[in-house]
Amino acid sequence: MVQWPIPDSVKALRGFLGLTGYYRKFIKGYRAIAKPLTDLLKKDSFHWNDKALEAFTKLKEAVTQPPVLALPDFSRPFIIECDALGKGLGAVLMQDQRPIAFHSQALKNKYLHLSTYETELMALASAVKKWRSYLLGRPFVVKTDHQSLKFLLEQRIATPSQQKWLAKLLGYAFVVEYKKGCDNRVADALSRTFGSAPDLSTSLSASISDSKASCLMLLTVPDPTWLKVLQDSYSLDESVQQLIAAVQAGTPPKDGQTEIVNKCLEQYLRAFTSDRPHQWASWLPLAEFWFNSSFHTSLKLTPFEALYGFPPPKLHSYVPSTTRVSALDSLLSQRQDVLHILRDHLAVAQGRMKTQADKHRQERSFAVGDWVFLRLQPYSQQSLAYKGKWKLSPRYFGPFKVLKRIGTVSYKLELPPESKLHPVFHVSCLKLKLGQHVTPLPTLPLADDSGQVYTEPVAIL
């Protein structure tokens, strides 16, 4: 990396940025350092100058000298320090005054004209979103040098941008604390990297001077170990590789599982369109939450729990006027109304499907002493594993007399003494004999002591 030659074309520059971009989450202020180089990737803009050479040198030094971060301890609370200044946002994830991860982001276009309060709120929401895998389901503390954010959940939201960022913080358990700007050195330094790009070594060394260097190391977002083992096994499976190739080609193969999932998802979304045809697209996250929190019989748990290792959070019912923020109250009330509509429509759809299924069913009940015909199921009953031509055999046997009713759907029949079948059958296998005259039909199939059906020749020629 230190001896990397100066790029002489856009292709060479793109290759260099592609390699360094792989380690961007470990580099402080990567976007600010690489900005002069990324500007050269624009159409007809590749003109190498001193500014690009300086950025090229700094980026090589940053990649070859990455920061040293601490391992997280999930039994202790996390602390986020965030700040926004000028053209950038900065944040650091910490525990016991030791940094775990850094985050910096440049501001562009309309975000450059936001007020100080809105940029500070944007920095807070961006940091929480960045480290969602660490913070979801656990209480944490956010420290900022903007004192008005301390009363974030009690203020009246007056602008659409405030409502947008506040909605992204729903579902997290956190407390906002005020920290003076002179004490918030790391986040302040990260936010200033998009202006003059100062050296952060002084700020970082001051913030971790009390930590032990012996237990520090690089860290990425934690992944379950079993998931990596599963990915390694899939990489050696030819059928999985063929499936991945088909998906990348844009022609994924059809299978019953995918079709069932799509069918259920369509039915779920159809419950929105009937009542609010112009607003259903804004509630697609509810459909995603439904799928990820549904129990899968093959996994024996939900997809959310399979990925993160803990059960998914529940959507609690909202009582109107229980929050002081009017925008939040309106959003939660609207969500509660949509959930009620969805629940009612799904109940109607369930009743409609039951009505259609009941058209092919009939209510059957027999009394003791009735005569019924018996229909055998050779492919469902293991004791009738007959390999002959059942297509030409009688559909019903009997009639036989009902001796006893067992439960609500089972009956005990009076079978011939030579029969070795169990005398209790489900009501779906029985058919009422009409009339008083009883004419026995062919007897039951012959079976051995183990219950297996065997054939006998009529005559030996």
Protein backbone atom coordinates (compact mmCIF):
# COMPACT_ATOMS: atom_id res chain seq x y z
CA MET A 1 0.00 0.00 0.00
CA VAL A 2 2.84 2.44 0.82
CA GLN A 3 4.45 1.83 -2.59
CA TRP A 4 1.19 2.14 -4.54
CA PRO A 5 1.93 4.15 -7.73
CA ILE A 6 0.13 7.38 -8.51
CA PRO A 7 -2.97 6.62 -10.60
CA ASP A 8 -2.71 7.82 -14.20
CA SER A 9 -6.29 7.06 -15.26
CA VAL A 10 -9.81 6.88 -13.88
CA LYS A 11 -9.66 3.07 -13.95
CA ALA A 12 -6.50 3.01 -11.81
CA LEU A 13 -7.97 5.54 -9.37
CA ARG A 14 -11.18 3.53 -9.09
CA GLY A 15 -9.17 0.42 -8.25
CA PHE A 16 -7.28 2.24 -5.50
CA LEU A 17 -10.46 3.67 -3.95
CA GLY A 18 -12.14 0.27 -4.18
CA LEU A 19 -9.38 -1.31 -2.11
CA THR A 20 -9.25 1.43 0.52
CA GLY A 21 -13.05 1.64 0.68
CA TYR A 22 -13.14 -1.92 2.00
CA TYR A 23 -11.55 -0.64 5.24
CA ARG A 24 -13.44 2.65 5.45
CA LYS A 25 -15.27 1.77 8.67
CA PHE A 26 -11.91 1.61 10.48
CA ILE A 27 -10.58 4.92 9.14
CA LYS A 28 -11.38 8.17 10.91
CA GLY A 29 -12.80 10.72 8.48
CA TYR A 30 -12.38 8.48 5.43
CA ARG A 31 -14.91 10.40 3.36
CA ALA A 32 -13.24 13.74 4.02
CA ILE A 33 -9.79 12.40 3.19
CA ALA A 34 -10.91 10.69 -0.02
CA LYS A 35 -13.22 13.51 -1.25
CA PRO A 36 -10.60 15.15 -3.57
CA LEU A 37 -10.04 11.73 -5.17
CA THR A 38 -13.71 10.87 -5.55
CA ASP A 39 -14.28 14.21 -7.27
CA LEU A 40 -11.86 13.08 -10.00
CA LEU A 41 -14.17 10.16 -10.85
CA LYS A 42 -16.75 12.51 -12.33
CA LYS A 43 -17.12 12.78 -16.07
CA ASP A 44 -14.19 14.63 -17.71
CA SER A 45 -12.82 15.66 -14.28
CA PHE A 46 -9.65 13.59 -14.01
CA HIS A 47 -6.96 16.25 -13.66
CA TRP A 48 -4.25 15.25 -11.19
CA ASN A 49 -3.09 18.16 -9.03
CA ASP A 50 -1.36 18.87 -5.73
CA LYS A 51 -4.62 18.58 -3.78
CA ALA A 52 -5.26 15.11 -5.18
CA LEU A 53 -1.66 14.09 -4.46
CA GLU A 54 -1.98 15.23 -0.85
CA ALA A 55 -5.23 13.27 -0.43
CA PHE A 56 -3.63 10.22 -2.06
CA THR A 57 -0.75 10.32 0.42
CA LYS A 58 -2.96 10.85 3.46
CA LEU A 59 -5.26 8.02 2.45
CA LYS A 60 -2.35 5.58 2.13
CA GLU A 61 -1.12 6.60 5.57
CA ALA A 62 -4.61 6.22 7.07
CA VAL A 63 -5.05 2.72 5.62
CA THR A 64 -1.63 1.52 6.78
CA GLN A 65 -2.14 2.99 10.29
CA PRO A 66 -5.72 2.10 11.29
CA PRO A 67 -7.05 3.01 14.77
CA VAL A 68 -7.14 0.47 17.58
CA LEU A 69 -10.62 -0.13 18.96
CA ALA A 70 -11.89 -1.98 22.04
CA LEU A 71 -14.10 -5.06 22.17
CA PRO A 72 -17.65 -4.35 23.35
CA ASP A 73 -19.03 -5.78 26.57
CA PHE A 74 -22.76 -6.37 26.05
CA SER A 75 -23.34 -6.64 29.79
CA ARG A 76 -22.50 -2.93 30.20
CA PRO A 77 -24.34 0.07 28.74
CA PHE A 78 -23.12 1.79 25.58
CA ILE A 79 -22.44 5.52 25.31
CA ILE A 80 -22.70 7.56 22.09
CA GLU A 81 -21.04 10.96 21.77
CA CYS A 82 -22.17 12.85 18.67
CA ASP A 83 -21.63 16.31 17.24
CA ALA A 84 -22.40 18.26 14.07
CA LEU A 85 -20.40 21.19 12.77
CA GLY A 86 -20.16 22.92 9.41
CA LYS A 87 -20.30 20.35 6.63
CA GLY A 88 -20.06 17.10 8.57
CA LEU A 89 -21.36 14.86 11.34
CA GLY A 90 -19.26 12.90 13.81
CA ALA A 91 -19.94 10.24 16.44
CA VAL A 92 -18.10 7.70 18.55
CA LEU A 93 -19.43 4.57 20.29
CA MET A 94 -17.81 4.10 23.70
CA GLN A 95 -17.79 2.00 26.85
CA ASP A 96 -15.94 3.03 30.01
CA GLN A 97 -14.32 5.95 28.15
CA ARG A 98 -12.87 3.56 25.55
CA PRO A 99 -13.83 3.95 21.86
CA ILE A 100 -15.40 0.97 20.09
CA ALA A 101 -16.30 2.43 16.69
CA PHE A 102 -16.15 5.78 14.85
CA HIS A 103 -18.56 7.34 12.39
CA SER A 104 -18.27 10.45 10.25
CA GLN A 105 -20.49 11.68 7.45
CA ALA A 106 -20.42 14.66 5.09
CA LEU A 107 -23.41 16.95 4.62
CA LYS A 108 -24.54 17.78 1.10
CA ASN A 109 -27.18 19.74 -0.77
CA LYS A 110 -30.21 20.69 1.35
CA TYR A 111 -28.69 19.40 4.61
CA LEU A 112 -26.13 22.23 4.50
CA HIS A 113 -28.94 24.76 5.11
CA LEU A 114 -30.50 23.08 8.14
CA SER A 115 -30.54 24.77 11.51
CA THR A 116 -28.11 23.82 14.26
CA TYR A 117 -30.83 21.94 16.16
CA GLU A 118 -31.75 19.87 13.08
CA THR A 119 -28.14 18.98 12.22
CA GLU A 120 -27.47 17.92 15.81
CA LEU A 121 -30.63 15.78 15.76
CA MET A 122 -29.55 14.32 12.44
CA ALA A 123 -26.15 13.42 13.92
CA LEU A 124 -27.86 11.66 16.82
CA ALA A 125 -30.22 9.67 14.58
CA SER A 126 -27.45 8.76 12.13
CA ALA A 127 -25.26 7.41 14.92
CA VAL A 128 -28.10 5.30 16.36
CA LYS A 129 -28.91 3.93 12.92
CA LYS A 130 -25.22 3.17 12.24
CA TRP A 131 -24.82 1.07 15.40
CA ARG A 132 -28.30 -0.42 15.44
CA SER A 133 -26.96 -3.97 15.96
CA TYR A 134 -25.28 -2.87 19.19
CA LEU A 135 -28.10 -0.75 20.63
CA LEU A 136 -31.39 -2.43 19.74
CA GLY A 137 -32.99 -4.02 22.78
CA ARG A 138 -30.53 -2.48 25.27
CA PRO A 139 -30.59 0.85 27.15
CA PHE A 140 -27.86 3.32 26.20
CA VAL A 141 -26.84 6.95 26.74
CA VAL A 142 -26.42 9.65 24.09
CA LYS A 143 -24.21 12.64 24.91
CA THR A 144 -24.38 15.81 22.84
CA ASP A 145 -23.20 19.39 23.20
CA HIS A 146 -26.62 20.75 22.13
CA GLN A 147 -28.51 21.26 25.38
CA SER A 148 -32.00 21.47 23.84
CA LEU A 149 -31.77 17.84 22.68
CA LYS A 150 -31.82 16.81 26.32
CA PHE A 151 -35.59 17.38 26.22
CA LEU A 152 -36.04 15.68 22.84
CA LEU A 153 -39.04 13.50 23.75
CA GLU A 154 -40.85 16.36 25.49
CA GLN A 155 -40.56 19.04 22.79
CA ARG A 156 -43.11 19.89 20.14
CA ILE A 157 -41.96 18.81 16.69
CA ALA A 158 -42.61 21.68 14.29
CA THR A 159 -40.82 20.73 11.05
CA PRO A 160 -41.07 17.67 8.75
CA SER A 161 -37.35 16.99 9.10
CA GLN A 162 -37.67 16.75 12.88
CA GLN A 163 -40.54 14.34 12.51
CA LYS A 164 -38.49 12.26 10.05
CA TRP A 165 -35.51 11.84 12.37
CA LEU A 166 -37.61 11.34 15.48
CA ALA A 167 -39.49 8.47 13.82
CA LYS A 168 -36.15 6.68 13.28
CA LEU A 169 -35.55 6.68 17.04
CA LEU A 170 -38.73 4.82 17.92
CA GLY A 171 -38.13 1.46 19.56
CA TYR A 172 -34.86 2.42 21.27
CA ALA A 173 -34.40 2.85 25.03
CA PHE A 174 -32.00 5.76 25.47
CA VAL A 175 -31.37 8.85 27.55
CA VAL A 176 -29.97 12.10 26.14
CA GLU A 177 -27.41 13.86 28.32
CA TYR A 178 -25.77 17.23 27.81
CA LYS A 179 -21.98 17.40 27.54
CA LYS A 180 -20.03 20.61 27.04
CA GLY A 181 -18.35 21.09 23.69
CA CYS A 182 -14.89 21.34 25.25
CA ASP A 183 -15.36 17.87 26.79
CA ASN A 184 -16.83 16.30 23.65
CA ARG A 185 -13.47 16.20 21.89
CA VAL A 186 -13.64 13.03 19.79
CA ALA A 187 -17.04 13.66 18.22
CA ASP A 188 -16.15 17.32 17.69
CA ALA A 189 -12.93 16.33 15.91
CA LEU A 190 -14.77 13.87 13.68
CA SER A 191 -17.32 16.50 12.69
CA ARG A 192 -14.55 18.97 11.77
CA THR A 193 -12.75 16.57 9.41
CA PHE A 194 -14.85 17.78 6.52
CA GLY A 195 -13.47 21.32 6.83
CA SER A 196 -9.75 21.47 7.49
CA ALA A 197 -9.25 17.71 8.17
CA PRO A 198 -7.12 18.09 11.35
CA ASP A 199 -5.14 15.30 12.98
CA LEU A 200 -7.27 13.44 15.50
CA SER A 201 -4.41 11.78 17.32
CA THR A 202 -4.43 14.40 20.11
CA SER A 203 -8.17 14.06 20.74
CA LEU A 204 -8.12 10.27 20.60
CA SER A 205 -5.08 9.92 22.82
CA ALA A 206 -6.67 12.21 25.40
CA SER A 207 -9.93 10.27 25.37
CA ILE A 208 -8.33 6.82 25.81
CA SER A 209 -5.37 7.76 27.98
CA ASP A 210 -6.83 5.85 30.93
CA SER A 211 -7.60 2.64 29.00
CA LYS A 212 -5.47 -0.49 28.84
CA ALA A 213 -3.95 -1.07 25.44
CA SER A 214 -3.49 -4.78 26.07
CA CYS A 215 -7.19 -5.57 25.49
CA LEU A 216 -7.79 -3.44 22.38
CA MET A 217 -8.27 -4.74 18.86
CA LEU A 218 -10.12 -4.04 15.61
CA LEU A 219 -13.80 -4.85 15.51
CA THR A 220 -16.57 -5.09 12.92
CA VAL A 221 -20.32 -5.54 13.41
CA PRO A 222 -20.76 -8.79 15.42
CA ASP A 223 -22.14 -11.75 13.47
CA PRO A 224 -23.28 -15.11 14.92
CA THR A 225 -20.55 -17.77 14.63
CA TRP A 226 -22.99 -20.39 13.42
CA LEU A 227 -23.98 -18.10 10.53
CA LYS A 228 -20.38 -18.00 9.24
CA VAL A 229 -20.11 -21.79 9.47
CA LEU A 230 -23.36 -22.10 7.54
CA GLN A 231 -22.11 -19.70 4.86
CA ASP A 232 -18.90 -21.71 4.50
CA SER A 233 -20.87 -24.93 4.03
CA TYR A 234 -23.11 -23.26 1.44
CA SER A 235 -20.08 -22.12 -0.55
CA LEU A 236 -19.27 -25.79 -1.20
CA ASP A 237 -22.82 -26.79 -2.14
CA GLU A 238 -23.35 -26.91 -5.91
CA SER A 239 -27.14 -26.57 -5.68
CA VAL A 240 -26.79 -23.40 -3.58
CA GLN A 241 -24.29 -21.95 -6.04
CA GLN A 242 -26.67 -22.66 -8.92
CA LEU A 243 -29.46 -20.92 -7.01
CA ILE A 244 -27.26 -17.85 -6.37
CA ALA A 245 -26.27 -17.74 -10.05
CA ALA A 246 -29.94 -17.89 -11.10
CA VAL A 247 -30.88 -15.06 -8.72
CA GLN A 248 -28.01 -12.88 -9.94
CA ALA A 249 -29.10 -13.53 -13.55
CA GLY A 250 -32.56 -12.17 -12.73
CA THR A 251 -34.39 -15.47 -13.23
CA PRO A 252 -34.80 -17.00 -9.76
CA PRO A 253 -36.21 -20.54 -9.85
CA LYS A 254 -39.74 -21.04 -8.61
CA ASP A 255 -40.29 -23.27 -5.63
CA GLY A 256 -43.21 -23.95 -3.36
CA GLN A 257 -41.75 -22.15 -0.37
CA THR A 258 -41.18 -18.87 -2.24
CA GLU A 259 -44.62 -19.01 -3.82
CA ILE A 260 -46.27 -19.54 -0.43
CA VAL A 261 -44.37 -16.60 1.09
CA ASN A 262 -45.35 -14.36 -1.83
CA LYS A 263 -48.95 -15.50 -1.56
CA CYS A 264 -49.11 -14.74 2.17
CA LEU A 265 -47.43 -11.36 1.66
CA GLU A 266 -49.89 -10.45 -1.10
CA GLN A 267 -52.81 -11.40 1.13
CA TYR A 268 -51.35 -9.29 3.94
CA LEU A 269 -50.90 -6.22 1.70
CA ARG A 270 -54.30 -6.70 0.10
CA ALA A 271 -55.84 -5.96 3.49
CA PHE A 272 -54.43 -2.39 3.19
CA THR A 273 -55.49 -1.64 -0.36
CA SER A 274 -59.19 -2.29 0.17
CA ASP A 275 -59.63 0.53 2.69
CA ARG A 276 -56.70 2.89 1.97
CA PRO A 277 -55.54 2.26 -1.59
CA HIS A 278 -53.28 5.35 -1.69
CA GLN A 279 -51.49 4.88 1.65
CA TRP A 280 -50.64 1.19 1.80
CA ALA A 281 -47.11 1.74 0.42
CA SER A 282 -46.18 3.87 3.44
CA TRP A 283 -46.89 0.94 5.76
CA LEU A 284 -44.68 -1.64 4.06
CA PRO A 285 -42.46 -1.82 7.19
CA LEU A 286 -45.41 -3.46 8.97
CA ALA A 287 -45.44 -6.21 6.34
CA GLU A 288 -41.69 -6.66 6.79
CA PHE A 289 -42.11 -6.79 10.58
CA TRP A 290 -44.90 -9.38 10.18
CA PHE A 291 -42.71 -11.70 8.11
CA ASN A 292 -39.63 -11.36 10.33
CA SER A 293 -41.62 -11.92 13.54
CA SER A 294 -43.70 -14.88 12.28
CA PHE A 295 -42.86 -18.32 13.63
CA HIS A 296 -41.37 -20.67 11.02
CA THR A 297 -41.98 -24.37 11.53
CA SER A 298 -38.76 -25.29 9.72
CA LEU A 299 -36.59 -22.99 11.87
CA LYS A 300 -38.61 -23.54 15.07
CA LEU A 301 -38.21 -19.80 15.70
CA THR A 302 -38.70 -16.46 13.95
CA PRO A 303 -36.28 -15.10 11.28
CA PHE A 304 -35.58 -12.11 13.54
CA GLU A 305 -34.45 -14.36 16.40
CA ALA A 306 -32.43 -16.53 14.01
CA LEU A 307 -30.43 -13.48 12.88
CA TYR A 308 -30.04 -11.44 16.09
CA GLY A 309 -30.30 -14.15 18.75
CA PHE A 310 -33.19 -12.66 20.77
CA PRO A 311 -36.99 -12.49 20.26
CA PRO A 312 -38.39 -9.63 18.16
CA PRO A 313 -39.86 -6.61 19.96
CA LYS A 314 -43.62 -6.39 20.24
CA LEU A 315 -45.87 -3.61 18.93
CA HIS A 316 -47.71 -2.36 21.99
CA SER A 317 -51.10 -0.71 21.70
CA TYR A 318 -50.91 3.06 21.88
CA VAL A 319 -53.23 5.10 24.08
CA PRO A 320 -53.92 8.51 22.46
CA SER A 321 -52.69 11.68 24.19
CA THR A 322 -50.12 9.85 26.33
CA THR A 323 -47.18 11.79 24.86
CA ARG A 324 -46.51 15.51 24.79
CA VAL A 325 -45.09 15.50 21.26
CA SER A 326 -47.99 16.16 18.90
CA ALA A 327 -46.24 14.78 15.82
CA LEU A 328 -45.39 11.53 17.63
CA ASP A 329 -48.93 11.26 18.96
CA SER A 330 -50.32 11.68 15.43
CA LEU A 331 -47.92 9.07 14.00
CA LEU A 332 -48.65 6.46 16.66
CA SER A 333 -52.40 7.07 16.48
CA GLN A 334 -52.35 6.62 12.73
CA ARG A 335 -50.35 3.41 13.10
CA GLN A 336 -52.85 2.11 15.66
CA ASP A 337 -55.75 2.85 13.28
CA VAL A 338 -53.98 1.00 10.47
CA LEU A 339 -53.38 -1.99 12.73
CA HIS A 340 -57.09 -2.12 13.62
CA ILE A 341 -58.05 -1.95 9.95
CA LEU A 342 -55.53 -4.62 9.07
CA ARG A 343 -56.74 -6.91 11.86
CA ASP A 344 -60.38 -6.55 10.75
CA HIS A 345 -59.59 -7.18 7.09
CA LEU A 346 -57.45 -10.22 7.88
CA ALA A 347 -60.30 -11.63 9.98
CA VAL A 348 -62.68 -11.12 7.04
CA ALA A 349 -60.22 -12.82 4.68
CA GLN A 350 -59.81 -15.72 7.09
CA GLY A 351 -63.58 -16.14 7.29
CA ARG A 352 -63.86 -16.05 3.51
CA MET A 353 -61.21 -18.76 3.12
CA LYS A 354 -62.97 -20.89 5.75
CA THR A 355 -66.28 -20.52 3.90
CA GLN A 356 -64.73 -21.66 0.64
CA ALA A 357 -63.06 -24.62 2.33
CA ASP A 358 -66.29 -25.64 4.11
CA LYS A 359 -68.06 -25.99 0.75
CA HIS A 360 -66.10 -29.21 0.21
CA ARG A 361 -66.81 -30.52 3.71
CA GLN A 362 -69.87 -31.92 5.44
CA GLU A 363 -70.87 -32.51 9.02
CA ARG A 364 -70.88 -36.22 9.89
CA SER A 365 -71.94 -37.93 13.09
CA PHE A 366 -73.05 -41.49 13.77
CA ALA A 367 -74.92 -43.14 16.61
CA VAL A 368 -74.09 -46.42 18.27
CA GLY A 369 -75.74 -49.19 16.25
CA ASP A 370 -75.57 -47.44 12.86
CA TRP A 371 -74.15 -49.25 9.85
CA VAL A 372 -71.37 -47.47 7.99
CA PHE A 373 -69.09 -48.14 5.06
CA LEU A 374 -65.34 -48.01 5.62
CA ARG A 375 -62.88 -46.32 3.25
CA LEU A 376 -59.26 -47.31 3.70
CA GLN A 377 -56.28 -45.01 3.00
CA PRO A 378 -53.33 -47.18 1.94
CA TYR A 379 -51.02 -44.18 1.39
CA SER A 380 -51.78 -42.60 4.79
CA GLN A 381 -52.08 -45.66 7.04
CA GLN A 382 -48.72 -47.37 7.54
CA SER A 383 -50.41 -50.68 8.36
CA LEU A 384 -51.85 -50.83 4.81
CA ALA A 385 -48.67 -50.50 2.75
CA TYR A 386 -50.20 -52.46 -0.09
CA LYS A 387 -48.26 -52.46 -3.37
CA GLY A 388 -50.99 -53.85 -5.59
CA LYS A 389 -53.41 -52.03 -7.90
CA TRP A 390 -55.64 -50.16 -5.47
CA LYS A 391 -57.13 -48.34 -8.43
CA LEU A 392 -59.19 -51.45 -9.24
CA SER A 393 -60.05 -52.35 -5.64
CA PRO A 394 -63.36 -51.41 -3.95
CA ARG A 395 -63.58 -47.87 -2.62
CA TYR A 396 -65.56 -48.86 0.46
CA PHE A 397 -65.74 -52.03 2.55
CA GLY A 398 -68.57 -53.19 4.74
CA PRO A 399 -71.00 -52.18 5.99
CA PHE A 400 -69.89 -52.49 9.61
CA LYS A 401 -71.71 -51.72 12.82
CA VAL A 402 -70.71 -48.79 15.06
CA LEU A 403 -69.90 -50.09 18.53
CA LYS A 404 -68.65 -46.98 20.32
CA ARG A 405 -67.93 -43.30 19.80
CA ILE A 406 -64.43 -42.25 20.88
CA GLY A 407 -63.98 -38.53 21.30
CA THR A 408 -65.65 -36.25 18.77
CA VAL A 409 -64.25 -37.52 15.46
CA SER A 410 -63.44 -41.21 15.97
CA TYR A 411 -65.59 -44.37 16.04
CA LYS A 412 -64.99 -48.03 16.90
CA LEU A 413 -66.39 -50.53 14.40
CA GLU A 414 -67.31 -54.18 14.65
CA LEU A 415 -64.81 -55.71 12.22
CA PRO A 416 -64.67 -59.39 11.23
CA PRO A 417 -62.82 -61.67 13.67
CA GLU A 418 -60.09 -62.48 11.13
CA SER A 419 -59.31 -58.80 10.55
CA LYS A 420 -56.00 -57.60 12.00
CA LEU A 421 -56.71 -53.87 11.56
CA HIS A 422 -57.26 -51.49 14.44
CA PRO A 423 -61.04 -51.06 14.84
CA VAL A 424 -60.97 -47.27 15.50
CA PHE A 425 -61.27 -44.97 12.46
CA HIS A 426 -61.61 -41.25 11.77
CA VAL A 427 -65.02 -39.94 10.77
CA SER A 428 -63.67 -38.93 7.34
CA CYS A 429 -63.16 -42.65 6.52
CA LEU A 430 -66.80 -43.55 7.25
CA LYS A 431 -69.96 -43.23 5.19
CA LEU A 432 -73.48 -43.84 6.48
CA LYS A 433 -75.32 -46.89 5.12
CA LEU A 434 -78.80 -45.91 3.87
CA GLY A 435 -81.77 -48.26 4.15
CA GLN A 436 -82.53 -51.17 6.46
CA HIS A 437 -81.31 -54.03 4.28
CA VAL A 438 -77.66 -54.94 4.93
CA THR A 439 -75.67 -56.59 2.10
CA PRO A 440 -72.02 -57.18 2.98
CA LEU A 441 -69.51 -56.15 0.33
CA PRO A 442 -66.07 -57.75 -0.17
CA THR A 443 -64.21 -58.33 3.07
CA LEU A 444 -61.27 -56.32 4.28
CA PRO A 445 -57.84 -56.90 2.70
CA LEU A 446 -55.86 -59.74 4.23
CA ALA A 447 -53.02 -58.74 6.51
CA ASP A 448 -50.29 -60.58 8.40
CA ASP A 449 -49.44 -60.33 12.09
CA SER A 450 -47.50 -57.09 11.54
CA GLY A 451 -50.45 -55.47 9.74
CA GLN A 452 -48.92 -55.61 6.24
CA VAL A 453 -51.35 -56.44 3.42
CA TYR A 454 -50.54 -59.47 1.33
CA THR A 455 -52.24 -61.06 -1.68
CA GLU A 456 -53.43 -64.62 -2.25
CA PRO A 457 -53.86 -66.19 -5.67
CA VAL A 458 -57.35 -67.31 -6.55
CA ALA A 459 -56.11 -70.58 -7.99
CA ILE A 460 -52.86 -72.27 -8.91
CA LEU A 461 -52.86 -73.30 -12.56
